[in-house]
Amino acid sequence: MKKYFIIAFTFLGILAFSQNEKAAKTPEKKFIHSEFNNDSKISEELLNKIGAKNLQNLGLIWGFLKYYHPNVSSGKYNWDDELLKILPKIAGTSDEQRDQILITWIKSFGDFKTKDYPEPKNIKMKADLDWITSYGFTKELSDLLLAIKKADRKKSNYYVSLFSDGNANFENENPYSTMVSPDAGFRLLSLYRYWNIIQYYFPYRYAIGEDWKDVLTEFIPKFTSAQDGTEYNLACLELSTKINDSHGGFFNNVTYHFFGERIVPLEIVFAENKAVVKNYYDEKLGKETGIKIGDIILEVNGKTVGKILQEYSKYIPASNKAVKLRNLSFILLNSNELTIDVKYLSNGLEKTVTIPTYRSNEINYTQKPAESFKMNNGDTAYLHLQNLKSDHLPDIFEKIKNTKGLVIDIRTYPTDALLFKLAKYIMPKPEIFVDFTVSYPTRPGYFIFAQKYDVGSNNKDYYKGKIAILVNETTQSSAEYHTMAFQKAPKAKVFGSQTSGADGDVSYIPLPGKILTGISGVGVYYPDGKETQRIGIIPDVEVKQTIDGIRNNKDEVLEKALEWIKN
């Protein structure tokens, strides 16, 4: 895929596009035999007959059984098939008839033993299961579900396993990789699968900002009525954006075309809430547009930037507003047409120009990568983590050991395992810097504080100068984790603006129709329990990029950090 879109839509290499490429090269896994293949035999008319309320109830029960019923979670049954088989049976039934059908269905999966589960220690989030008794089911059905809640479950679950770091692994979910435009039954399956993974395995369900059950109600008609692959993909993209997680969303051929396959050679950033030209991807083609660095984009094809944000917002995954604008900047000037009309502000004058668009492979990317190490005026060292290699650290710290200060620029994504290796040079002793929450294996939906980790080592020869850590909205995931660690160094301060608010590793979720989306898979907190999700890393000294700074090629965050080191 084209370089620009790898940069733009993987959001610094941490979203699902690279995973899609990997999956495309990996032999398809053999899943539990399915009776349905690519035809669910479920129509939109049938789903309409069942009704949104019944579909919501079924989605809740189907997901609960998937993770809580020991005979289901073992993988003994093809749970996707079981959904498609039960749907026609509840069409046109009364509430009492529906519940009786569901009771018979649930009992068909066999008996199970129950046990009393002690309340886990160090709970951060409990499972949301109050609906079992509050959604108006018959007493017999509620009692059966409550018994399943207490079922004696093994720690292992066919549909989800945990990596060593606690991230959930959903590799046994059938991606139905040959589907392009799933039919009504598989669209509903996709909704149920994603919704229940968030319900039981998203560590930040409590921070979504609304009752997740209401989201299920909202999206049932969007999934059941999607008329083609594009509408279905956009419904999935909108759903993944509802969790307010910068690790969410996805990028595939459908969304690639929706946002526009052609680009212009202008790098856009948001400064002072305005879309500003920061640089040229291709200097020659960029200058030919007539738009200068520091100019402000006002409209694209007659739509204001605000209107474009309003229209695209529901499709742009983000933990906070800063990331929403960051992600919009990647697609603001995209188009499927050969030209676009741009109104912009330059030196106080509004101008309109028609500029050509290009395929990414038609652009000669002239931007040079940032230097990983350099000296400023001989007394301050500068490290940029994008291209810095850990095996360079011994030589670097030998050179800089007597400098007044060190700048660690994390306005990027670290490409090497630097956290623990670099920390050894800047810390005199180990310091606890993070606390994780992970899923409680036998009680899906529960997340507990599992283990605190420290960073650094006993080192009397540690770097003793001031340390300025630079961050902004591009500081995401591993970069935020690095920042949390480096903050523990003596004389360290964080400069910049709000980070992405999506710390920790990614768990990937396959959905029918060549969709692979992601979530932040573990909860990441400061040792005192302070949140990082959505909030991000709060700088000690807030400094935001300005339009004037862009025009004059000034790095105001770096300048503020150097001023602090100097004084």
Protein backbone atom coordinates (compact mmCIF):
# COMPACT_ATOMS: atom_id res chain seq x y z
CA MET A 1 0.00 0.00 0.00
CA LYS A 2 1.08 3.53 -0.60
CA LYS A 3 3.53 5.23 1.73
CA TYR A 4 1.33 8.20 2.56
CA PHE A 5 -1.59 6.10 3.68
CA ILE A 6 0.57 3.79 5.72
CA ILE A 7 1.68 6.90 7.61
CA ALA A 8 -1.75 8.49 7.77
CA PHE A 9 -4.12 5.69 8.55
CA THR A 10 -1.98 3.48 10.72
CA PHE A 11 -1.48 6.58 12.87
CA LEU A 12 2.27 6.15 13.30
CA GLY A 13 2.31 2.41 12.77
CA ILE A 14 0.04 1.30 15.59
CA LEU A 15 -3.30 0.58 13.96
CA ALA A 16 -4.57 -2.33 12.00
CA PHE A 17 -3.34 -1.77 8.47
CA SER A 18 -0.03 -3.57 8.97
CA GLN A 19 -1.97 -6.39 10.58
CA ASN A 20 -4.21 -6.64 7.52
CA GLU A 21 -1.15 -6.95 5.31
CA LYS A 22 0.28 -9.62 7.59
CA ALA A 23 -3.00 -11.52 7.59
CA ALA A 24 -3.13 -11.42 3.81
CA LYS A 25 0.23 -13.24 3.66
CA THR A 26 -0.61 -15.80 6.35
CA PRO A 27 -2.40 -19.07 5.48
CA GLU A 28 -5.97 -18.94 6.70
CA LYS A 29 -6.53 -20.72 9.98
CA LYS A 30 -8.95 -23.62 10.17
CA PHE A 31 -11.93 -22.68 12.31
CA ILE A 32 -14.76 -24.74 13.76
CA HIS A 33 -16.80 -26.18 10.89
CA SER A 34 -19.63 -23.88 9.83
CA GLU A 35 -22.94 -24.89 8.30
CA PHE A 36 -23.39 -21.51 6.65
CA ASN A 37 -20.18 -20.62 4.76
CA ASN A 38 -20.91 -17.23 3.17
CA ASP A 39 -24.73 -17.37 3.27
CA SER A 40 -26.40 -16.86 6.64
CA LYS A 41 -29.87 -17.45 5.22
CA ILE A 42 -30.96 -14.47 7.32
CA SER A 43 -32.71 -11.59 5.57
CA GLU A 44 -33.19 -7.99 6.58
CA GLU A 45 -36.93 -8.64 6.53
CA LEU A 46 -36.54 -11.39 9.11
CA LEU A 47 -34.49 -9.16 11.39
CA ASN A 48 -37.09 -6.41 11.10
CA LYS A 49 -39.74 -8.94 12.07
CA ILE A 50 -37.76 -9.90 15.16
CA GLY A 51 -37.49 -6.23 16.14
CA ALA A 52 -34.74 -4.09 17.62
CA LYS A 53 -35.59 -4.83 21.26
CA ASN A 54 -35.52 -8.59 20.77
CA LEU A 55 -32.30 -8.28 18.80
CA GLN A 56 -30.75 -6.30 21.62
CA ASN A 57 -31.78 -8.92 24.18
CA LEU A 58 -30.45 -11.72 22.00
CA GLY A 59 -27.15 -9.89 21.51
CA LEU A 60 -26.73 -9.55 25.27
CA ILE A 61 -27.55 -13.20 25.93
CA TRP A 62 -25.52 -14.59 23.00
CA GLY A 63 -22.39 -12.72 24.12
CA PHE A 64 -22.89 -13.62 27.78
CA LEU A 65 -23.17 -17.32 26.94
CA LYS A 66 -20.11 -17.11 24.68
CA TYR A 67 -17.89 -16.06 27.54
CA TYR A 68 -19.71 -17.40 30.62
CA HIS A 69 -21.22 -20.80 29.71
CA PRO A 70 -18.44 -23.37 30.17
CA ASN A 71 -19.72 -25.66 27.42
CA VAL A 72 -19.85 -22.77 24.96
CA SER A 73 -16.60 -21.06 25.92
CA SER A 74 -14.77 -24.38 25.48
CA GLY A 75 -15.33 -24.17 21.72
CA LYS A 76 -17.53 -27.25 21.64
CA TYR A 77 -20.10 -25.42 19.51
CA ASN A 78 -19.75 -23.08 16.55
CA TRP A 79 -21.19 -20.07 18.33
CA ASP A 80 -21.56 -18.02 15.16
CA ASP A 81 -23.68 -20.78 13.67
CA GLU A 82 -25.77 -21.01 16.81
CA LEU A 83 -26.69 -17.35 16.44
CA LEU A 84 -27.79 -17.81 12.86
CA LYS A 85 -29.86 -20.87 13.79
CA ILE A 86 -31.69 -19.26 16.73
CA LEU A 87 -32.64 -16.03 14.94
CA PRO A 88 -35.51 -17.44 12.82
CA LYS A 89 -36.97 -19.21 15.85
CA ILE A 90 -37.65 -16.00 17.78
CA ALA A 91 -39.23 -14.09 14.87
CA GLY A 92 -42.87 -13.16 15.47
CA THR A 93 -42.95 -14.42 19.05
CA SER A 94 -44.31 -12.81 22.20
CA ASP A 95 -41.87 -11.98 25.01
CA GLU A 96 -42.92 -15.08 26.94
CA GLN A 97 -42.60 -17.33 23.88
CA ARG A 98 -39.19 -15.82 23.07
CA ASP A 99 -37.91 -16.45 26.57
CA GLN A 100 -39.11 -20.05 26.52
CA ILE A 101 -37.39 -20.63 23.18
CA LEU A 102 -34.19 -19.16 24.59
CA ILE A 103 -34.44 -21.35 27.72
CA THR A 104 -34.77 -24.48 25.61
CA TRP A 105 -31.88 -23.33 23.42
CA ILE A 106 -29.60 -22.62 26.39
CA LYS A 107 -30.40 -25.94 28.06
CA SER A 108 -29.47 -27.77 24.84
CA PHE A 109 -25.83 -26.90 25.49
CA GLY A 110 -25.68 -29.22 28.48
CA ASP A 111 -25.39 -29.14 32.22
CA PHE A 112 -22.68 -27.41 34.20
CA LYS A 113 -21.50 -27.15 37.77
CA THR A 114 -21.67 -23.92 39.75
CA LYS A 115 -19.37 -22.45 42.36
CA ASP A 116 -19.21 -19.44 44.63
CA TYR A 117 -16.69 -16.99 43.26
CA PRO A 118 -14.93 -14.83 45.83
CA GLU A 119 -14.76 -11.16 44.90
CA PRO A 120 -11.40 -10.50 43.24
CA LYS A 121 -8.96 -8.15 44.94
CA ASN A 122 -7.80 -4.88 43.43
CA ILE A 123 -10.83 -4.49 41.17
CA LYS A 124 -10.79 -1.60 38.71
CA MET A 125 -13.93 -2.54 36.74
CA LYS A 126 -16.71 -5.07 37.31
CA ALA A 127 -18.72 -6.90 34.68
CA ASP A 128 -21.95 -5.20 33.63
CA LEU A 129 -24.52 -7.96 34.20
CA ASP A 130 -27.38 -6.11 35.90
CA TRP A 131 -29.41 -6.46 32.69
CA ILE A 132 -30.02 -10.12 33.56
CA THR A 133 -32.54 -9.07 36.18
CA SER A 134 -33.55 -5.60 34.96
CA TYR A 135 -34.49 -6.19 31.29
CA GLY A 136 -37.85 -7.84 31.92
CA PHE A 137 -37.00 -11.49 31.19
CA THR A 138 -39.15 -14.18 32.75
CA LYS A 139 -37.96 -15.38 36.15
CA GLU A 140 -37.06 -18.77 34.71
CA LEU A 141 -34.77 -17.24 32.08
CA SER A 142 -33.20 -14.79 34.54
CA ASP A 143 -32.58 -17.59 37.05
CA LEU A 144 -30.94 -19.71 34.35
CA LEU A 145 -28.65 -16.84 33.34
CA LEU A 146 -27.79 -16.15 36.98
CA ALA A 147 -26.84 -19.81 37.38
CA ILE A 148 -24.56 -19.53 34.34
CA LYS A 149 -23.00 -16.46 35.91
CA LYS A 150 -21.89 -18.78 38.74
CA ALA A 151 -20.86 -21.64 36.43
CA ASP A 152 -17.55 -23.34 37.18
CA ARG A 153 -15.41 -22.07 34.32
CA LYS A 154 -11.89 -22.89 33.29
CA LYS A 155 -9.39 -20.07 32.87
CA SER A 156 -9.05 -20.92 29.19
CA ASN A 157 -11.67 -19.81 26.66
CA TYR A 158 -11.68 -20.90 23.03
CA TYR A 159 -12.72 -17.46 21.82
CA VAL A 160 -10.21 -15.40 23.77
CA SER A 161 -6.80 -16.01 25.29
CA LEU A 162 -4.36 -13.67 26.98
CA PHE A 163 -0.88 -12.79 25.81
CA SER A 164 1.88 -12.69 28.42
CA ASP A 165 1.35 -8.94 28.91
CA GLY A 166 -2.37 -9.42 29.55
CA ASN A 167 -3.66 -8.31 26.14
CA ALA A 168 -6.65 -10.25 24.86
CA ASN A 169 -6.06 -12.40 21.77
CA PHE A 170 -9.06 -13.07 19.52
CA GLU A 171 -7.31 -15.19 16.90
CA ASN A 172 -9.98 -17.92 17.03
CA GLU A 173 -12.66 -15.55 15.76
CA ASN A 174 -13.47 -16.54 12.19
CA PRO A 175 -12.80 -13.48 9.97
CA TYR A 176 -14.82 -14.92 7.05
CA SER A 177 -12.04 -13.48 4.93
CA THR A 178 -13.65 -14.23 1.56
CA MET A 179 -16.65 -12.02 2.30
CA VAL A 180 -16.78 -8.59 0.70
CA SER A 181 -20.32 -7.50 1.51
CA PRO A 182 -21.73 -9.62 4.36
CA ASP A 183 -25.44 -10.39 4.28
CA ALA A 184 -27.86 -9.35 7.02
CA GLY A 185 -27.10 -12.30 9.29
CA PHE A 186 -23.34 -11.85 9.14
CA ARG A 187 -23.71 -8.10 9.59
CA LEU A 188 -25.60 -8.73 12.82
CA LEU A 189 -22.97 -11.28 13.84
CA SER A 190 -20.29 -8.64 13.28
CA LEU A 191 -22.10 -6.19 15.53
CA TYR A 192 -22.63 -8.78 18.26
CA ARG A 193 -19.02 -9.94 18.11
CA TYR A 194 -17.51 -6.48 18.39
CA TRP A 195 -20.01 -5.20 20.94
CA ASN A 196 -19.48 -8.16 23.28
CA ILE A 197 -15.70 -8.01 23.01
CA ILE A 198 -15.92 -4.41 24.22
CA GLN A 199 -18.45 -5.43 26.87
CA TYR A 200 -16.17 -8.08 28.37
CA TYR A 201 -12.59 -7.40 27.22
CA PHE A 202 -12.11 -3.66 26.82
CA PRO A 203 -10.34 -2.39 29.96
CA TYR A 204 -11.77 1.11 29.53
CA ARG A 205 -15.43 0.32 28.99
CA TYR A 206 -16.19 2.53 31.98
CA ALA A 207 -14.50 5.49 30.21
CA ILE A 208 -16.39 5.29 26.91
CA GLY A 209 -18.62 8.17 27.95
CA GLU A 210 -22.04 6.52 27.61
CA ASP A 211 -23.80 3.29 28.56
CA TRP A 212 -22.38 0.71 26.16
CA LYS A 213 -25.75 -1.10 26.08
CA ASP A 214 -27.31 2.03 24.56
CA VAL A 215 -24.75 1.80 21.75
CA LEU A 216 -25.98 -1.70 20.92
CA THR A 217 -29.51 -0.36 20.64
CA GLU A 218 -28.33 2.51 18.44
CA PHE A 219 -26.38 0.34 15.99
CA ILE A 220 -28.74 -2.57 15.44
CA PRO A 221 -30.70 -0.72 12.70
CA LYS A 222 -27.47 0.61 11.16
CA PHE A 223 -26.10 -2.91 10.74
CA THR A 224 -29.33 -4.63 9.72
CA SER A 225 -30.20 -2.03 7.07
CA ALA A 226 -26.75 -1.55 5.48
CA GLN A 227 -27.38 -1.94 1.75
CA ASP A 228 -23.87 -2.65 0.48
CA GLY A 229 -20.27 -3.17 1.51
CA THR A 230 -19.61 0.54 1.86
CA GLU A 231 -22.53 1.13 4.23
CA TYR A 232 -21.52 -1.92 6.25
CA ASN A 233 -17.87 -0.83 6.49
CA LEU A 234 -18.90 2.66 7.54
CA ALA A 235 -21.23 1.22 10.18
CA CYS A 236 -18.32 -0.82 11.54
CA LEU A 237 -16.02 2.20 11.44
CA GLU A 238 -18.57 4.37 13.22
CA LEU A 239 -19.08 1.67 15.85
CA SER A 240 -15.33 1.37 16.47
CA THR A 241 -15.15 5.13 16.92
CA LYS A 242 -17.78 5.01 19.70
CA ILE A 243 -15.29 3.53 22.19
CA ASN A 244 -13.27 6.79 22.07
CA ASP A 245 -9.95 4.99 21.74
CA SER A 246 -7.16 6.21 19.48
CA HIS A 247 -6.25 2.56 18.89
CA GLY A 248 -9.67 1.99 17.35
CA GLY A 249 -10.85 2.27 13.77
CA PHE A 250 -9.51 0.41 10.77
CA PHE A 251 -8.33 1.03 7.24
CA ASN A 252 -9.08 -1.16 4.22
CA ASN A 253 -9.89 -0.74 0.54
CA VAL A 254 -13.44 0.42 1.24
CA THR A 255 -12.54 3.15 3.70
CA TYR A 256 -9.51 4.05 1.59
CA HIS A 257 -11.85 4.89 -1.28
CA PHE A 258 -14.41 6.57 0.98
CA PHE A 259 -11.89 9.11 2.29
CA GLY A 260 -10.25 9.52 -1.10
CA GLU A 261 -7.50 7.59 -2.85
CA ARG A 262 -5.70 10.66 -4.16
CA ILE A 263 -3.76 13.19 -2.09
CA VAL A 264 -2.04 16.54 -2.37
CA PRO A 265 1.62 17.09 -1.41
CA LEU A 266 0.82 19.29 1.60
CA GLU A 267 1.34 18.23 5.20
CA ILE A 268 -1.49 19.63 7.31
CA VAL A 269 -1.52 20.05 11.10
CA PHE A 270 -3.97 21.74 13.42
CA ALA A 271 -2.60 24.72 15.32
CA GLU A 272 -4.81 27.11 17.28
CA ASN A 273 -7.74 24.94 16.05
CA LYS A 274 -7.00 25.83 12.43
CA ALA A 275 -5.79 23.59 9.60
CA VAL A 276 -2.32 24.89 8.76
CA VAL A 277 0.14 23.86 6.07
CA LYS A 278 3.21 22.73 7.99
CA ASN A 279 5.36 21.30 5.22
CA TYR A 280 5.46 19.86 1.72
CA TYR A 281 5.59 16.11 1.24
CA ASP A 282 7.09 16.84 -2.19
CA GLU A 283 8.77 20.26 -2.22
CA LYS A 284 8.49 20.78 -5.99
CA LEU A 285 4.83 19.78 -6.25
CA GLY A 286 3.99 21.53 -2.99
CA LYS A 287 5.33 24.88 -4.15
CA GLU A 288 3.50 24.51 -7.47
CA THR A 289 0.18 24.67 -5.58
CA GLY A 290 0.92 28.29 -4.69
CA ILE A 291 0.08 27.53 -1.05
CA LYS A 292 2.85 28.46 1.37
CA ILE A 293 3.92 26.95 4.67
CA GLY A 294 1.89 28.66 7.40
CA ASP A 295 -1.15 29.28 5.20
CA ILE A 296 -4.50 28.31 6.70
CA ILE A 297 -6.91 25.98 4.89
CA LEU A 298 -10.46 27.37 5.07
CA GLU A 299 -12.51 25.27 2.65
CA VAL A 300 -12.13 22.17 0.49
CA ASN A 301 -14.48 21.88 -2.49
CA GLY A 302 -16.81 24.44 -0.97
CA LYS A 303 -16.99 22.85 2.48
CA THR A 304 -15.47 24.56 5.48
CA VAL A 305 -12.96 22.64 7.56
CA GLY A 306 -15.48 22.72 10.41
CA LYS A 307 -18.13 21.13 8.20
CA ILE A 308 -15.73 18.42 7.06
CA LEU A 309 -14.85 17.68 10.68
CA GLN A 310 -18.55 17.50 11.53
CA GLU A 311 -19.22 15.03 8.70
CA TYR A 312 -16.16 12.86 9.27
CA SER A 313 -16.02 12.98 13.06
CA LYS A 314 -18.07 9.83 13.60
CA TYR A 315 -15.62 7.92 11.40
CA ILE A 316 -12.43 9.20 13.05
CA PRO A 317 -11.25 7.14 16.04
CA ALA A 318 -9.77 9.24 18.82
CA SER A 319 -9.43 9.27 22.58
CA ASN A 320 -9.60 13.07 22.71
CA LYS A 321 -10.11 16.16 20.54
CA ALA A 322 -6.40 16.66 19.86
CA VAL A 323 -6.22 13.24 18.20
CA LYS A 324 -9.51 13.79 16.37
CA LEU A 325 -7.96 16.84 14.70
CA ARG A 326 -4.67 15.02 14.14
CA ASN A 327 -6.44 12.21 12.32
CA LEU A 328 -8.58 14.63 10.31
CA SER A 329 -5.41 16.34 9.09
CA PHE A 330 -4.38 13.10 7.33
CA ILE A 331 -7.53 13.01 5.18
CA LEU A 332 -8.62 16.65 4.93
CA LEU A 333 -7.36 17.13 1.36
CA ASN A 334 -7.99 13.60 0.07
CA SER A 335 -10.16 13.08 -2.99
CA ASN A 336 -11.05 10.58 -5.70
CA GLU A 337 -11.06 13.40 -8.26
CA LEU A 338 -8.08 14.66 -10.25
CA THR A 339 -8.30 18.13 -8.70
CA ILE A 340 -9.72 19.84 -5.62
CA ASP A 341 -10.67 23.45 -4.97
CA VAL A 342 -9.04 24.92 -1.88
CA LYS A 343 -9.82 28.24 -0.23
CA TYR A 344 -7.04 29.35 2.08
CA LEU A 345 -5.80 32.33 4.04
CA SER A 346 -2.35 33.67 3.17
CA ASN A 347 -0.92 36.87 4.68
CA GLY A 348 -4.40 37.96 5.69
CA LEU A 349 -5.87 37.46 2.20
CA GLU A 350 -8.38 34.78 1.23
CA LYS A 351 -7.46 32.96 -1.96
CA THR A 352 -8.95 30.09 -3.93
CA VAL A 353 -6.95 27.69 -6.07
CA THR A 354 -7.61 24.48 -7.97
CA ILE A 355 -4.80 22.06 -7.28
CA PRO A 356 -4.07 18.60 -8.69
CA THR A 357 -4.25 15.42 -6.65
CA TYR A 358 -1.87 12.50 -6.95
CA ARG A 359 -1.51 8.84 -6.29
CA SER A 360 0.96 8.39 -3.46
CA ASN A 361 3.47 6.68 -5.74
CA GLU A 362 3.50 9.81 -7.92
CA ILE A 363 4.91 11.89 -5.08
CA ASN A 364 8.62 12.18 -4.41
CA TYR A 365 8.73 12.37 -0.62
CA THR A 366 11.47 14.92 0.05
CA GLN A 367 11.12 15.24 3.82
CA LYS A 368 14.16 13.97 5.66
CA PRO A 369 13.78 11.94 8.85
CA ALA A 370 14.66 13.70 12.08
CA GLU A 371 18.20 13.25 13.35
CA SER A 372 18.18 10.66 16.12
CA PHE A 373 21.04 12.38 17.99
CA LYS A 374 22.64 15.81 17.83
CA MET A 375 24.20 18.44 20.07
CA ASN A 376 22.80 21.93 20.62
CA ASN A 377 25.53 24.54 21.29
CA GLY A 378 27.74 21.93 22.88
CA ASP A 379 25.96 21.84 26.26
CA THR A 380 22.60 20.25 25.41
CA ALA A 381 21.99 16.86 23.79
CA TYR A 382 18.96 15.98 21.68
CA LEU A 383 17.50 12.50 21.11
CA HIS A 384 14.66 11.83 18.68
CA LEU A 385 13.19 8.38 19.34
CA GLN A 386 11.81 7.58 15.90
CA ASN A 387 15.08 6.30 14.45
CA LEU A 388 17.21 5.98 17.58
CA LYS A 389 18.72 2.51 18.05
CA SER A 390 19.42 1.09 21.48
CA ASP A 391 22.90 -0.08 20.51
CA HIS A 392 23.86 3.59 19.95
CA LEU A 393 23.12 4.53 23.57
CA PRO A 394 26.51 3.65 25.14
CA ASP A 395 28.41 5.92 22.75
CA ILE A 396 25.84 8.69 23.02
CA PHE A 397 25.84 8.83 26.81
CA GLU A 398 29.60 8.73 26.93
CA LYS A 399 29.61 11.85 24.74
CA ILE A 400 26.91 13.73 26.65
CA LYS A 401 27.67 12.77 30.27
CA ASN A 402 28.89 16.26 31.16
CA THR A 403 26.25 18.25 29.27
CA LYS A 404 23.84 20.59 31.02
CA GLY A 405 20.70 19.02 29.66
CA LEU A 406 19.14 16.34 27.50
CA VAL A 407 16.07 16.64 25.28
CA ILE A 408 14.15 13.41 24.62
CA ASP A 409 11.74 14.04 21.75
CA ILE A 410 8.85 11.57 21.83
CA ARG A 411 6.61 13.41 19.37
CA THR A 412 6.87 10.23 17.32
CA TYR A 413 6.63 6.46 17.66
CA PRO A 414 9.74 4.67 18.96
CA THR A 415 10.93 2.06 16.49
CA ASP A 416 13.33 0.28 18.83
CA ALA A 417 13.06 -1.22 22.33
CA LEU A 418 14.40 1.84 24.10
CA LEU A 419 12.39 2.17 27.29
CA PHE A 420 14.31 0.02 29.73
CA LYS A 421 17.68 0.42 28.03
CA LEU A 422 17.58 4.21 27.91
CA ALA A 423 16.16 4.46 31.44
CA LYS A 424 19.29 2.78 32.83
CA TYR A 425 21.31 5.80 31.73
CA ILE A 426 19.06 8.50 33.21
CA MET A 427 17.99 7.00 36.54
CA PRO A 428 20.03 6.34 39.70
CA LYS A 429 17.81 3.52 40.95
CA PRO A 430 14.69 1.53 39.97
CA GLU A 431 11.39 3.40 40.18
CA ILE A 432 7.86 2.05 39.85
CA PHE A 433 6.24 3.92 36.98
CA VAL A 434 3.13 2.02 35.89
CA ASP A 435 0.29 -0.19 37.09
CA PHE A 436 -1.67 -2.47 34.74
CA THR A 437 -5.19 -3.83 34.79
CA VAL A 438 -5.91 -7.11 33.04
CA SER A 439 -8.93 -9.28 32.46
CA TYR A 440 -9.86 -11.72 35.24
CA PRO A 441 -9.92 -15.06 33.36
CA THR A 442 -12.86 -16.78 35.07
CA ARG A 443 -15.01 -13.66 35.35
CA PRO A 444 -15.19 -11.93 31.95
CA GLY A 445 -15.87 -8.22 32.23
CA TYR A 446 -13.82 -7.84 35.40
CA PHE A 447 -10.50 -6.02 35.24
CA ILE A 448 -8.10 -6.05 38.17
CA PHE A 449 -4.88 -4.25 38.96
CA ALA A 450 -2.36 -6.96 38.28
CA GLN A 451 1.21 -5.79 38.67
CA LYS A 452 3.27 -2.65 39.00
CA TYR A 453 6.48 -2.40 36.99
CA ASP A 454 9.64 -0.49 37.65
CA VAL A 455 12.20 1.04 35.35
CA GLY A 456 15.84 1.97 35.80
CA SER A 457 18.66 0.30 37.73
CA ASN A 458 21.15 1.14 40.42
CA ASN A 459 23.61 3.39 38.63
CA LYS A 460 25.70 6.01 40.46
CA ASP A 461 26.99 7.21 37.08
CA TYR A 462 23.54 8.06 35.74
CA TYR A 463 23.04 11.18 33.61
CA LYS A 464 22.76 14.13 36.02
CA GLY A 465 21.70 16.98 33.76
CA LYS A 466 18.18 18.28 33.27
CA ILE A 467 15.94 16.13 31.08
CA ALA A 468 13.21 17.68 28.93
CA ILE A 469 10.69 15.24 27.42
CA LEU A 470 8.75 16.56 24.41
CA VAL A 471 5.22 15.30 23.66
CA ASN A 472 2.12 16.19 21.66
CA GLU A 473 -0.88 14.50 20.05
CA THR A 474 1.40 12.23 17.97
CA THR A 475 2.75 10.72 21.20
CA GLN A 476 0.67 7.54 21.28
CA SER A 477 0.73 4.05 22.74
CA SER A 478 4.34 2.94 23.25
CA ALA A 479 5.42 6.59 23.07
CA GLU A 480 3.13 7.43 26.01
CA TYR A 481 4.47 4.42 27.90
CA HIS A 482 8.05 5.62 27.30
CA THR A 483 7.09 9.06 28.59
CA MET A 484 5.65 7.63 31.82
CA ALA A 485 8.93 5.83 32.44
CA PHE A 486 11.26 8.71 31.61
CA GLN A 487 9.21 11.03 33.85
CA LYS A 488 10.67 9.15 36.81
CA ALA A 489 14.19 10.41 36.08
CA PRO A 490 15.58 13.11 38.41
CA LYS A 491 15.33 16.64 37.00
CA ALA A 492 12.88 15.46 34.31
CA LYS A 493 10.03 17.63 33.00
CA VAL A 494 7.50 17.01 30.24
CA PHE A 495 6.96 19.82 27.73
CA GLY A 496 4.27 20.06 25.08
CA SER A 497 0.58 19.30 24.82
CA GLN A 498 -1.94 16.54 25.49
CA THR A 499 -0.92 13.14 24.16
CA SER A 500 -3.06 10.59 22.37
CA GLY A 501 -4.61 8.94 25.42
CA ALA A 502 -4.23 5.38 24.12
CA ASP A 503 -1.48 3.76 26.13
CA GLY A 504 -0.52 0.08 26.09
CA ASP A 505 -0.53 -2.64 23.45
CA VAL A 506 -3.27 -3.24 20.88
CA SER A 507 -5.66 -6.19 20.75
CA TYR A 508 -7.00 -6.86 17.25
CA ILE A 509 -10.56 -7.86 16.41
CA PRO A 510 -11.38 -9.52 13.07
CA LEU A 511 -14.82 -8.89 11.60
CA PRO A 512 -16.52 -10.31 8.51
CA GLY A 513 -15.77 -8.38 5.32
CA LYS A 514 -11.96 -8.01 5.54
CA ILE A 515 -12.08 -5.77 8.60
CA LEU A 516 -9.47 -5.81 11.34
CA THR A 517 -9.94 -3.25 14.07
CA GLY A 518 -8.18 -2.68 17.37
CA ILE A 519 -8.57 -1.64 20.98
CA SER A 520 -6.22 -0.70 23.80
CA GLY A 521 -5.95 -4.18 25.28
CA VAL A 522 -4.70 -3.55 28.83
CA GLY A 523 -5.39 -0.79 31.30
CA VAL A 524 -2.40 1.49 31.90
CA TYR A 525 -2.27 3.72 34.97
CA TYR A 526 0.25 5.62 37.02
CA PRO A 527 1.28 3.84 40.26
CA ASP A 528 -1.19 5.97 42.24
CA GLY A 529 -4.03 4.88 39.93
CA LYS A 530 -4.16 8.08 37.89
CA GLU A 531 -5.72 7.56 34.47
CA THR A 532 -3.95 7.76 31.11
CA GLN A 533 -6.70 6.57 28.73
CA ARG A 534 -8.37 9.48 26.91
CA ILE A 535 -6.52 11.90 29.19
CA GLY A 536 -3.05 11.09 27.92
CA ILE A 537 0.17 12.32 29.50
CA ILE A 538 -0.33 15.78 30.94
CA PRO A 539 2.80 17.91 30.40
CA ASP A 540 4.45 19.70 33.30
CA VAL A 541 4.84 22.72 31.03
CA GLU A 542 2.12 23.14 28.41
CA VAL A 543 3.39 24.51 25.11
CA LYS A 544 1.34 24.35 21.92
CA GLN A 545 2.43 24.86 18.37
CA THR A 546 1.29 28.21 16.95
CA ILE A 547 0.58 29.36 13.43
CA ASP A 548 3.27 31.99 13.72
CA GLY A 549 5.74 29.32 14.82
CA ILE A 550 4.93 27.19 11.77
CA ARG A 551 5.35 30.16 9.43
CA ASN A 552 8.72 30.99 10.90
CA ASN A 553 9.94 27.40 11.13
CA LYS A 554 10.11 27.58 14.92
CA ASP A 555 9.75 24.58 17.20
CA GLU A 556 8.22 26.34 20.19
CA VAL A 557 8.08 23.22 22.34
CA LEU A 558 11.78 22.57 21.85
CA GLU A 559 12.61 26.23 22.38
CA LYS A 560 10.77 26.26 25.73
CA ALA A 561 12.57 23.11 26.81
CA LEU A 562 15.99 24.53 25.86
CA GLU A 563 15.20 27.72 27.75
CA TRP A 564 14.42 25.68 30.87
CA ILE A 565 17.63 23.69 30.53
CA LYS A 566 19.69 26.85 30.04
CA ASN A 567 18.28 28.52 33.15
